[in-house]
Amino acid sequence: MGEAMENSVAGEPGADSEALRAALAQAEESARQQREQYLRGAAELDNVRKRAQRDIESAHRYALERFATELLPVLDSLELGVRNGAASDPQSLIAGQQATLKLLEHAFEKFSITRIDPSGERFDPSLHEAVLMQEAPNTAPDTVLQVVQAGYDLNGRLLRPARVVVAKAPPGPAAKA
């Protein structure tokens, strides 16, 4: 190595400096390409982030669009019933209400909204709301006697508890005295 240094100093300074210049130019080109790749990667990452943000905003804005679209026939049916109600006989009004109810039930089913109707089941405070306790001698205590208002859940998440009348034990001999 010391000999190469002596040669460049003593003999051919141009050959080594040319090699160094070529190596420098190659290193600068490599650095430029790597910087360009870095900038492209950073821009692509920024685009992905912005696209994801737009998708999230769109999902929030239009989350109910499919459900609302399913409810439009229910609205149409109700409007038709109101418009023609005065001129219709009671049987056709009942038939129209039943058809509208079926449309609504179909929309609920499509979006996994299920009805909670706990008649005869054991009272569950996580799914039911007791509106009244009533003595029922032939029924076990804490059994749902009557559903005042059905409850609903969405994919296992409670939307509204069922409002129920719950059986209570008849008073014992001590309470009668």
N, C-alpha and C. Protein backbone atom coordinates (compact mmCIF):
# COMPACT_ATOMS: atom_id res chain seq x y z
N MET A 1 0.81 -1.19 0.00
CA MET A 1 0.00 0.00 0.00
C MET A 1 0.86 1.25 0.00
N GLY A 2 1.93 1.22 0.73
CA GLY A 2 2.83 2.35 0.74
C GLY A 2 3.43 2.59 -0.63
N GLU A 3 3.63 1.52 -1.40
CA GLU A 3 4.18 1.63 -2.75
C GLU A 3 3.21 2.34 -3.67
N ALA A 4 1.90 2.04 -3.56
CA ALA A 4 0.91 2.70 -4.41
C ALA A 4 0.87 4.18 -4.12
N MET A 5 1.02 4.53 -2.87
CA MET A 5 1.03 5.93 -2.49
C MET A 5 2.26 6.62 -3.09
N GLU A 6 3.37 5.92 -3.03
CA GLU A 6 4.59 6.52 -3.59
C GLU A 6 4.45 6.71 -5.08
N ASN A 7 3.85 5.72 -5.77
CA ASN A 7 3.67 5.82 -7.22
C ASN A 7 2.78 7.00 -7.57
N SER A 8 1.71 7.18 -6.82
CA SER A 8 0.81 8.26 -7.17
C SER A 8 1.43 9.61 -6.87
N VAL A 9 2.22 9.64 -5.86
CA VAL A 9 2.85 10.90 -5.53
C VAL A 9 3.99 11.17 -6.50
N ALA A 10 4.79 10.12 -6.76
CA ALA A 10 5.97 10.33 -7.58
C ALA A 10 5.67 10.25 -9.06
N GLY A 11 4.85 9.21 -9.48
CA GLY A 11 4.75 8.93 -10.89
C GLY A 11 3.50 9.45 -11.57
N GLU A 12 2.34 8.83 -11.31
CA GLU A 12 1.12 9.11 -12.09
C GLU A 12 0.01 9.65 -11.21
N PRO A 13 0.00 10.87 -10.91
CA PRO A 13 -1.06 11.43 -10.07
C PRO A 13 -2.40 11.48 -10.79
N GLY A 14 -2.45 11.55 -12.07
CA GLY A 14 -3.69 11.66 -12.82
C GLY A 14 -4.50 10.37 -12.80
N ALA A 15 -3.88 9.21 -12.83
CA ALA A 15 -4.59 7.93 -12.89
C ALA A 15 -5.34 7.67 -11.59
N ASP A 16 -4.73 7.92 -10.47
CA ASP A 16 -5.40 7.70 -9.19
C ASP A 16 -6.51 8.72 -8.96
N SER A 17 -6.28 9.95 -9.33
CA SER A 17 -7.29 10.96 -9.13
C SER A 17 -8.50 10.69 -10.03
N GLU A 18 -8.23 10.14 -11.24
CA GLU A 18 -9.35 9.76 -12.13
C GLU A 18 -10.16 8.64 -11.50
N ALA A 19 -9.49 7.67 -10.92
CA ALA A 19 -10.19 6.56 -10.26
C ALA A 19 -11.01 7.08 -9.08
N LEU A 20 -10.42 8.00 -8.33
CA LEU A 20 -11.15 8.58 -7.20
C LEU A 20 -12.36 9.39 -7.67
N ARG A 21 -12.18 10.14 -8.75
CA ARG A 21 -13.30 10.92 -9.30
C ARG A 21 -14.41 10.00 -9.78
N ALA A 22 -14.03 8.90 -10.44
CA ALA A 22 -15.04 7.94 -10.91
C ALA A 22 -15.77 7.29 -9.74
N ALA A 23 -15.02 6.92 -8.69
CA ALA A 23 -15.64 6.33 -7.49
C ALA A 23 -16.56 7.35 -6.83
N LEU A 24 -16.13 8.60 -6.77
CA LEU A 24 -16.96 9.66 -6.18
C LEU A 24 -18.24 9.85 -7.00
N ALA A 25 -18.12 9.89 -8.31
CA ALA A 25 -19.29 10.06 -9.17
C ALA A 25 -20.25 8.89 -9.00
N GLN A 26 -19.69 7.68 -8.91
CA GLN A 26 -20.54 6.50 -8.71
C GLN A 26 -21.24 6.56 -7.35
N ALA A 27 -20.51 6.97 -6.33
CA ALA A 27 -21.11 7.09 -4.99
C ALA A 27 -22.19 8.16 -4.97
N GLU A 28 -21.93 9.29 -5.64
CA GLU A 28 -22.93 10.35 -5.70
C GLU A 28 -24.17 9.88 -6.44
N GLU A 29 -24.01 9.13 -7.53
CA GLU A 29 -25.15 8.60 -8.29
C GLU A 29 -25.95 7.62 -7.43
N SER A 30 -25.24 6.77 -6.73
CA SER A 30 -25.91 5.81 -5.85
C SER A 30 -26.69 6.54 -4.76
N ALA A 31 -26.09 7.55 -4.17
CA ALA A 31 -26.77 8.34 -3.13
C ALA A 31 -28.00 9.04 -3.71
N ARG A 32 -27.87 9.57 -4.94
CA ARG A 32 -29.00 10.24 -5.58
C ARG A 32 -30.15 9.25 -5.81
N GLN A 33 -29.83 8.05 -6.29
CA GLN A 33 -30.85 7.03 -6.54
C GLN A 33 -31.53 6.60 -5.24
N GLN A 34 -30.73 6.43 -4.19
CA GLN A 34 -31.30 6.02 -2.91
C GLN A 34 -32.19 7.12 -2.33
N ARG A 35 -31.76 8.37 -2.49
CA ARG A 35 -32.59 9.48 -2.02
C ARG A 35 -33.90 9.53 -2.80
N GLU A 36 -33.82 9.31 -4.11
CA GLU A 36 -35.02 9.30 -4.95
C GLU A 36 -35.96 8.17 -4.53
N GLN A 37 -35.40 7.00 -4.26
CA GLN A 37 -36.23 5.87 -3.79
C GLN A 37 -36.88 6.20 -2.45
N TYR A 38 -36.10 6.82 -1.57
CA TYR A 38 -36.64 7.21 -0.27
C TYR A 38 -37.81 8.19 -0.44
N LEU A 39 -37.63 9.20 -1.28
CA LEU A 39 -38.69 10.19 -1.49
C LEU A 39 -39.92 9.55 -2.10
N ARG A 40 -39.74 8.64 -3.05
CA ARG A 40 -40.89 7.93 -3.64
C ARG A 40 -41.61 7.10 -2.58
N GLY A 41 -40.84 6.40 -1.76
CA GLY A 41 -41.44 5.60 -0.69
C GLY A 41 -42.21 6.45 0.29
N ALA A 42 -41.62 7.59 0.67
CA ALA A 42 -42.29 8.50 1.61
C ALA A 42 -43.57 9.05 0.99
N ALA A 43 -43.53 9.39 -0.29
CA ALA A 43 -44.73 9.91 -0.96
C ALA A 43 -45.80 8.82 -1.04
N GLU A 44 -45.39 7.59 -1.35
CA GLU A 44 -46.35 6.48 -1.43
C GLU A 44 -46.99 6.23 -0.07
N LEU A 45 -46.19 6.26 0.98
CA LEU A 45 -46.71 6.09 2.34
C LEU A 45 -47.70 7.20 2.68
N ASP A 46 -47.38 8.42 2.31
CA ASP A 46 -48.28 9.54 2.56
C ASP A 46 -49.59 9.36 1.79
N ASN A 47 -49.50 8.89 0.55
CA ASN A 47 -50.71 8.65 -0.25
C ASN A 47 -51.57 7.56 0.38
N VAL A 48 -50.95 6.49 0.85
CA VAL A 48 -51.69 5.41 1.50
C VAL A 48 -52.40 5.94 2.75
N ARG A 49 -51.68 6.74 3.54
CA ARG A 49 -52.28 7.31 4.75
C ARG A 49 -53.47 8.19 4.41
N LYS A 50 -53.32 9.04 3.40
CA LYS A 50 -54.42 9.93 2.99
C LYS A 50 -55.60 9.14 2.46
N ARG A 51 -55.32 8.09 1.67
CA ARG A 51 -56.39 7.25 1.13
C ARG A 51 -57.15 6.54 2.26
N ALA A 52 -56.41 6.03 3.23
CA ALA A 52 -57.04 5.36 4.38
C ALA A 52 -57.90 6.35 5.16
N GLN A 53 -57.42 7.57 5.34
CA GLN A 53 -58.19 8.59 6.05
C GLN A 53 -59.48 8.92 5.30
N ARG A 54 -59.38 9.04 3.96
CA ARG A 54 -60.59 9.30 3.16
C ARG A 54 -61.57 8.13 3.27
N ASP A 55 -61.06 6.90 3.24
CA ASP A 55 -61.93 5.74 3.36
C ASP A 55 -62.65 5.70 4.70
N ILE A 56 -61.94 6.04 5.76
CA ILE A 56 -62.55 6.08 7.09
C ILE A 56 -63.62 7.16 7.15
N GLU A 57 -63.33 8.33 6.63
CA GLU A 57 -64.32 9.42 6.62
C GLU A 57 -65.54 9.02 5.81
N SER A 58 -65.32 8.38 4.68
CA SER A 58 -66.42 7.93 3.84
C SER A 58 -67.25 6.87 4.55
N ALA A 59 -66.60 5.95 5.21
CA ALA A 59 -67.32 4.90 5.95
C ALA A 59 -68.17 5.51 7.05
N HIS A 60 -67.65 6.50 7.75
CA HIS A 60 -68.44 7.16 8.80
C HIS A 60 -69.62 7.91 8.19
N ARG A 61 -69.37 8.60 7.08
CA ARG A 61 -70.40 9.43 6.47
C ARG A 61 -71.52 8.58 5.88
N TYR A 62 -71.16 7.45 5.28
CA TYR A 62 -72.15 6.65 4.57
C TYR A 62 -72.43 5.30 5.21
N ALA A 63 -72.11 5.15 6.48
CA ALA A 63 -72.28 3.87 7.16
C ALA A 63 -73.73 3.40 7.15
N LEU A 64 -74.66 4.28 7.23
CA LEU A 64 -76.07 3.91 7.29
C LEU A 64 -76.74 3.86 5.93
N GLU A 65 -75.99 4.08 4.88
CA GLU A 65 -76.59 4.17 3.54
C GLU A 65 -77.36 2.90 3.17
N ARG A 66 -76.75 1.73 3.36
CA ARG A 66 -77.43 0.48 3.00
C ARG A 66 -78.68 0.27 3.84
N PHE A 67 -78.58 0.56 5.15
CA PHE A 67 -79.73 0.40 6.03
C PHE A 67 -80.84 1.37 5.64
N ALA A 68 -80.47 2.61 5.38
CA ALA A 68 -81.47 3.60 4.98
C ALA A 68 -82.14 3.19 3.67
N THR A 69 -81.38 2.62 2.75
CA THR A 69 -81.94 2.16 1.48
C THR A 69 -82.96 1.05 1.73
N GLU A 70 -82.69 0.18 2.68
CA GLU A 70 -83.63 -0.90 3.01
C GLU A 70 -84.90 -0.36 3.67
N LEU A 71 -84.80 0.77 4.35
CA LEU A 71 -85.97 1.34 5.02
C LEU A 71 -86.86 2.16 4.09
N LEU A 72 -86.36 2.53 2.94
CA LEU A 72 -87.17 3.33 2.02
C LEU A 72 -88.47 2.64 1.60
N PRO A 73 -88.49 1.33 1.30
CA PRO A 73 -89.77 0.69 0.99
C PRO A 73 -90.75 0.72 2.16
N VAL A 74 -90.23 0.66 3.38
CA VAL A 74 -91.10 0.75 4.55
C VAL A 74 -91.75 2.13 4.59
N LEU A 75 -90.96 3.16 4.36
CA LEU A 75 -91.49 4.51 4.32
C LEU A 75 -92.52 4.66 3.21
N ASP A 76 -92.23 4.13 2.03
CA ASP A 76 -93.18 4.21 0.91
C ASP A 76 -94.50 3.55 1.27
N SER A 77 -94.41 2.39 1.92
CA SER A 77 -95.62 1.67 2.30
C SER A 77 -96.43 2.45 3.33
N LEU A 78 -95.76 3.05 4.29
CA LEU A 78 -96.47 3.85 5.30
C LEU A 78 -97.12 5.08 4.66
N GLU A 79 -96.41 5.74 3.75
CA GLU A 79 -96.99 6.90 3.07
C GLU A 79 -98.22 6.51 2.26
N LEU A 80 -98.15 5.38 1.58
CA LEU A 80 -99.28 4.89 0.80
C LEU A 80 -100.47 4.61 1.71
N GLY A 81 -100.22 4.01 2.85
CA GLY A 81 -101.30 3.73 3.82
C GLY A 81 -101.95 5.00 4.33
N VAL A 82 -101.15 5.99 4.63
CA VAL A 82 -101.68 7.26 5.12
C VAL A 82 -102.49 7.96 4.03
N ARG A 83 -101.95 7.95 2.80
CA ARG A 83 -102.64 8.61 1.69
C ARG A 83 -103.98 7.95 1.38
N ASN A 84 -104.03 6.64 1.42
CA ASN A 84 -105.25 5.92 1.04
C ASN A 84 -106.06 5.43 2.23
N GLY A 85 -105.64 5.77 3.43
CA GLY A 85 -106.28 5.25 4.63
C GLY A 85 -107.75 5.63 4.77
N ALA A 86 -108.09 6.86 4.48
CA ALA A 86 -109.47 7.32 4.67
C ALA A 86 -110.43 6.62 3.71
N ALA A 87 -109.95 6.25 2.53
CA ALA A 87 -110.83 5.64 1.54
C ALA A 87 -110.81 4.11 1.60
N SER A 88 -109.99 3.54 2.47
CA SER A 88 -109.84 2.07 2.52
C SER A 88 -110.70 1.46 3.60
N ASP A 89 -111.01 0.19 3.39
CA ASP A 89 -111.74 -0.54 4.43
C ASP A 89 -110.74 -1.05 5.47
N PRO A 90 -111.19 -1.37 6.67
CA PRO A 90 -110.28 -1.79 7.75
C PRO A 90 -109.44 -3.02 7.40
N GLN A 91 -110.00 -3.96 6.65
CA GLN A 91 -109.25 -5.16 6.30
C GLN A 91 -108.03 -4.83 5.43
N SER A 92 -108.21 -3.96 4.46
CA SER A 92 -107.08 -3.62 3.60
C SER A 92 -106.05 -2.79 4.37
N LEU A 93 -106.49 -1.98 5.34
CA LEU A 93 -105.54 -1.25 6.18
C LEU A 93 -104.69 -2.22 7.01
N ILE A 94 -105.34 -3.22 7.58
CA ILE A 94 -104.62 -4.23 8.37
C ILE A 94 -103.64 -4.99 7.48
N ALA A 95 -104.10 -5.36 6.28
CA ALA A 95 -103.21 -6.07 5.35
C ALA A 95 -102.02 -5.20 4.97
N GLY A 96 -102.25 -3.92 4.77
CA GLY A 96 -101.16 -3.00 4.44
C GLY A 96 -100.18 -2.85 5.60
N GLN A 97 -100.70 -2.78 6.82
CA GLN A 97 -99.83 -2.69 7.99
C GLN A 97 -98.99 -3.96 8.15
N GLN A 98 -99.62 -5.11 7.89
CA GLN A 98 -98.87 -6.36 7.99
C GLN A 98 -97.77 -6.43 6.93
N ALA A 99 -98.07 -5.97 5.73
CA ALA A 99 -97.06 -5.96 4.67
C ALA A 99 -95.91 -5.01 5.03
N THR A 100 -96.25 -3.86 5.59
CA THR A 100 -95.22 -2.90 6.01
C THR A 100 -94.36 -3.49 7.12
N LEU A 101 -94.99 -4.16 8.06
CA LEU A 101 -94.25 -4.81 9.15
C LEU A 101 -93.30 -5.87 8.60
N LYS A 102 -93.73 -6.63 7.61
CA LYS A 102 -92.86 -7.64 6.99
C LYS A 102 -91.66 -6.98 6.30
N LEU A 103 -91.89 -5.84 5.63
CA LEU A 103 -90.78 -5.11 5.01
C LEU A 103 -89.75 -4.67 6.07
N LEU A 104 -90.24 -4.17 7.18
CA LEU A 104 -89.36 -3.72 8.25
C LEU A 104 -88.62 -4.90 8.87
N GLU A 105 -89.31 -6.00 9.10
CA GLU A 105 -88.67 -7.20 9.65
C GLU A 105 -87.59 -7.72 8.70
N HIS A 106 -87.87 -7.67 7.41
CA HIS A 106 -86.89 -8.11 6.42
C HIS A 106 -85.63 -7.22 6.47
N ALA A 107 -85.83 -5.91 6.58
CA ALA A 107 -84.69 -4.98 6.67
C ALA A 107 -83.88 -5.26 7.93
N PHE A 108 -84.56 -5.50 9.05
CA PHE A 108 -83.87 -5.81 10.30
C PHE A 108 -83.08 -7.11 10.16
N GLU A 109 -83.70 -8.11 9.57
CA GLU A 109 -83.04 -9.40 9.39
C GLU A 109 -81.79 -9.26 8.52
N LYS A 110 -81.89 -8.48 7.48
CA LYS A 110 -80.77 -8.29 6.56
C LYS A 110 -79.57 -7.66 7.26
N PHE A 111 -79.83 -6.85 8.28
CA PHE A 111 -78.75 -6.17 8.99
C PHE A 111 -78.50 -6.75 10.38
N SER A 112 -78.93 -7.98 10.59
CA SER A 112 -78.67 -8.74 11.83
C SER A 112 -79.22 -8.06 13.08
N ILE A 113 -80.36 -7.40 12.93
CA ILE A 113 -81.06 -6.85 14.09
C ILE A 113 -82.09 -7.90 14.48
N THR A 114 -81.93 -8.47 15.68
CA THR A 114 -82.83 -9.54 16.10
C THR A 114 -83.72 -9.08 17.25
N ARG A 115 -84.89 -9.63 17.27
CA ARG A 115 -85.90 -9.31 18.27
C ARG A 115 -85.66 -10.15 19.51
N ILE A 116 -85.78 -9.54 20.67
CA ILE A 116 -85.68 -10.24 21.95
C ILE A 116 -87.09 -10.35 22.50
N ASP A 117 -87.62 -11.56 22.52
CA ASP A 117 -88.97 -11.81 23.02
C ASP A 117 -88.88 -12.93 24.07
N PRO A 118 -88.66 -12.56 25.33
CA PRO A 118 -88.34 -13.54 26.36
C PRO A 118 -89.53 -14.16 27.10
N SER A 119 -90.70 -14.23 26.49
CA SER A 119 -91.86 -14.79 27.18
C SER A 119 -91.56 -16.18 27.73
N GLY A 120 -91.81 -16.36 29.02
CA GLY A 120 -91.62 -17.66 29.65
C GLY A 120 -90.18 -17.95 30.05
N GLU A 121 -89.25 -17.10 29.71
CA GLU A 121 -87.85 -17.32 30.06
C GLU A 121 -87.55 -16.73 31.43
N ARG A 122 -86.42 -17.10 31.99
CA ARG A 122 -85.96 -16.53 33.25
C ARG A 122 -85.53 -15.08 32.99
N PHE A 123 -85.87 -14.19 33.91
CA PHE A 123 -85.52 -12.78 33.80
C PHE A 123 -84.00 -12.62 33.78
N ASP A 124 -83.50 -11.86 32.82
CA ASP A 124 -82.06 -11.59 32.68
C ASP A 124 -81.88 -10.08 32.63
N PRO A 125 -81.37 -9.48 33.71
CA PRO A 125 -81.26 -8.01 33.74
C PRO A 125 -80.34 -7.43 32.67
N SER A 126 -79.49 -8.26 32.07
CA SER A 126 -78.64 -7.73 31.00
C SER A 126 -79.38 -7.62 29.67
N LEU A 127 -80.55 -8.29 29.55
CA LEU A 127 -81.34 -8.25 28.32
C LEU A 127 -82.76 -7.72 28.52
N HIS A 128 -83.20 -7.69 29.77
CA HIS A 128 -84.59 -7.34 30.07
C HIS A 128 -84.65 -6.18 31.06
N GLU A 129 -85.72 -5.43 30.95
CA GLU A 129 -86.00 -4.36 31.91
C GLU A 129 -87.36 -4.66 32.53
N ALA A 130 -87.37 -4.91 33.84
CA ALA A 130 -88.62 -5.22 34.53
C ALA A 130 -89.41 -3.92 34.73
N VAL A 131 -90.64 -3.91 34.22
CA VAL A 131 -91.49 -2.73 34.42
C VAL A 131 -92.51 -2.98 35.53
N LEU A 132 -92.69 -4.27 35.87
CA LEU A 132 -93.67 -4.63 36.89
C LEU A 132 -93.34 -6.01 37.43
N MET A 133 -93.52 -6.19 38.75
CA MET A 133 -93.42 -7.51 39.37
C MET A 133 -94.84 -7.91 39.74
N GLN A 134 -95.21 -9.12 39.39
CA GLN A 134 -96.59 -9.56 39.59
C GLN A 134 -96.59 -10.96 40.18
N GLU A 135 -97.48 -11.16 41.15
CA GLU A 135 -97.59 -12.50 41.74
C GLU A 135 -98.16 -13.45 40.70
N ALA A 136 -97.58 -14.64 40.64
CA ALA A 136 -98.05 -15.67 39.72
C ALA A 136 -97.85 -17.01 40.42
N PRO A 137 -98.91 -17.52 41.07
CA PRO A 137 -98.76 -18.73 41.89
C PRO A 137 -98.30 -19.96 41.09
N ASN A 138 -98.61 -20.08 39.84
CA ASN A 138 -98.25 -21.27 39.06
C ASN A 138 -96.98 -21.09 38.23
N THR A 139 -96.25 -20.01 38.49
CA THR A 139 -95.05 -19.71 37.71
C THR A 139 -93.88 -19.51 38.66
N ALA A 140 -92.72 -19.98 38.27
CA ALA A 140 -91.52 -19.82 39.08
C ALA A 140 -91.17 -18.34 39.20
N PRO A 141 -90.69 -17.92 40.38
CA PRO A 141 -90.28 -16.53 40.54
C PRO A 141 -89.19 -16.17 39.53
N ASP A 142 -89.14 -14.91 39.16
CA ASP A 142 -88.17 -14.37 38.20
C ASP A 142 -88.34 -14.91 36.78
N THR A 143 -89.56 -15.31 36.46
CA THR A 143 -89.88 -15.74 35.10
C THR A 143 -90.64 -14.60 34.41
N VAL A 144 -90.35 -14.39 33.15
CA VAL A 144 -91.03 -13.34 32.39
C VAL A 144 -92.45 -13.82 32.10
N LEU A 145 -93.43 -13.06 32.59
CA LEU A 145 -94.84 -13.38 32.37
C LEU A 145 -95.35 -12.77 31.07
N GLN A 146 -94.94 -11.54 30.81
CA GLN A 146 -95.46 -10.82 29.66
C GLN A 146 -94.40 -9.87 29.12
N VAL A 147 -94.35 -9.74 27.82
CA VAL A 147 -93.44 -8.78 27.18
C VAL A 147 -94.26 -7.55 26.83
N VAL A 148 -93.94 -6.43 27.47
CA VAL A 148 -94.64 -5.17 27.22
C VAL A 148 -94.10 -4.56 25.93
N GLN A 149 -92.79 -4.62 25.75
CA GLN A 149 -92.14 -4.07 24.55
C GLN A 149 -90.92 -4.94 24.25
N ALA A 150 -90.88 -5.47 23.04
CA ALA A 150 -89.76 -6.34 22.66
C ALA A 150 -88.45 -5.57 22.68
N GLY A 151 -87.38 -6.30 22.95
CA GLY A 151 -86.05 -5.72 22.88
C GLY A 151 -85.40 -6.08 21.55
N TYR A 152 -84.27 -5.46 21.26
CA TYR A 152 -83.56 -5.74 20.00
C TYR A 152 -82.07 -5.71 20.26
N ASP A 153 -81.36 -6.58 19.51
CA ASP A 153 -79.91 -6.52 19.54
C ASP A 153 -79.37 -6.52 18.12
N LEU A 154 -78.18 -5.98 17.99
CA LEU A 154 -77.50 -5.87 16.70
C LEU A 154 -76.20 -6.64 16.81
N ASN A 155 -76.14 -7.78 16.12
CA ASN A 155 -74.94 -8.63 16.14
C ASN A 155 -74.48 -8.93 17.56
N GLY A 156 -75.44 -9.24 18.43
CA GLY A 156 -75.10 -9.58 19.81
C GLY A 156 -74.95 -8.40 20.75
N ARG A 157 -75.07 -7.20 20.24
CA ARG A 157 -74.98 -6.01 21.09
C ARG A 157 -76.38 -5.46 21.31
N LEU A 158 -76.74 -5.27 22.57
CA LEU A 158 -78.08 -4.85 22.93
C LEU A 158 -78.36 -3.43 22.44
N LEU A 159 -79.43 -3.29 21.65
CA LEU A 159 -79.89 -1.97 21.22
C LEU A 159 -80.90 -1.42 22.22
N ARG A 160 -81.83 -2.30 22.63
CA ARG A 160 -82.86 -1.91 23.60
C ARG A 160 -83.27 -3.16 24.37
N PRO A 161 -83.33 -3.08 25.69
CA PRO A 161 -83.77 -4.26 26.45
C PRO A 161 -85.27 -4.49 26.27
N ALA A 162 -85.68 -5.73 26.42
CA ALA A 162 -87.11 -6.05 26.39
C ALA A 162 -87.72 -5.56 27.69
N ARG A 163 -88.83 -4.84 27.59
CA ARG A 163 -89.54 -4.37 28.79
C ARG A 163 -90.57 -5.43 29.15
N VAL A 164 -90.47 -5.96 30.38
CA VAL A 164 -91.22 -7.16 30.74
C VAL A 164 -91.90 -7.05 32.10
N VAL A 165 -92.93 -7.91 32.26
CA VAL A 165 -93.57 -8.13 33.56
C VAL A 165 -92.98 -9.44 34.08
N VAL A 166 -92.50 -9.42 35.34
CA VAL A 166 -91.79 -10.56 35.91
C VAL A 166 -92.59 -11.14 37.07
N ALA A 167 -92.59 -12.47 37.14
CA ALA A 167 -93.29 -13.16 38.22
C ALA A 167 -92.52 -13.00 39.52
N LYS A 168 -93.26 -12.77 40.60
CA LYS A 168 -92.64 -12.77 41.92
C LYS A 168 -93.30 -13.85 42.76
N ALA A 169 -92.60 -14.28 43.73
CA ALA A 169 -93.13 -15.35 44.61
C ALA A 169 -94.34 -14.81 45.36
N PRO A 170 -95.36 -15.66 45.53
CA PRO A 170 -96.51 -15.21 46.34
C PRO A 170 -96.04 -15.01 47.79
N PRO A 171 -96.73 -14.14 48.49
CA PRO A 171 -96.29 -13.88 49.89
C PRO A 171 -96.38 -15.17 50.69
N GLY A 172 -95.37 -15.35 51.54
CA GLY A 172 -95.33 -16.55 52.39
C GLY A 172 -96.31 -16.43 53.54
N PRO A 173 -96.39 -17.45 54.39
CA PRO A 173 -97.32 -17.43 55.54
C PRO A 173 -97.05 -16.26 56.48
N ALA A 174 -95.81 -15.85 56.62
CA ALA A 174 -95.51 -14.74 57.53
C ALA A 174 -96.07 -13.43 57.00
N ALA A 175 -96.14 -13.26 55.70
CA ALA A 175 -96.64 -12.02 55.12
C ALA A 175 -98.15 -11.94 55.23
N LYS A 176 -98.86 -13.08 55.30
CA LYS A 176 -100.32 -13.06 55.37
C LYS A 176 -100.80 -12.65 56.76
N ALA A 177 -100.03 -12.90 57.80
CA ALA A 177 -100.46 -12.64 59.16
C ALA A 177 -100.42 -11.22 59.55
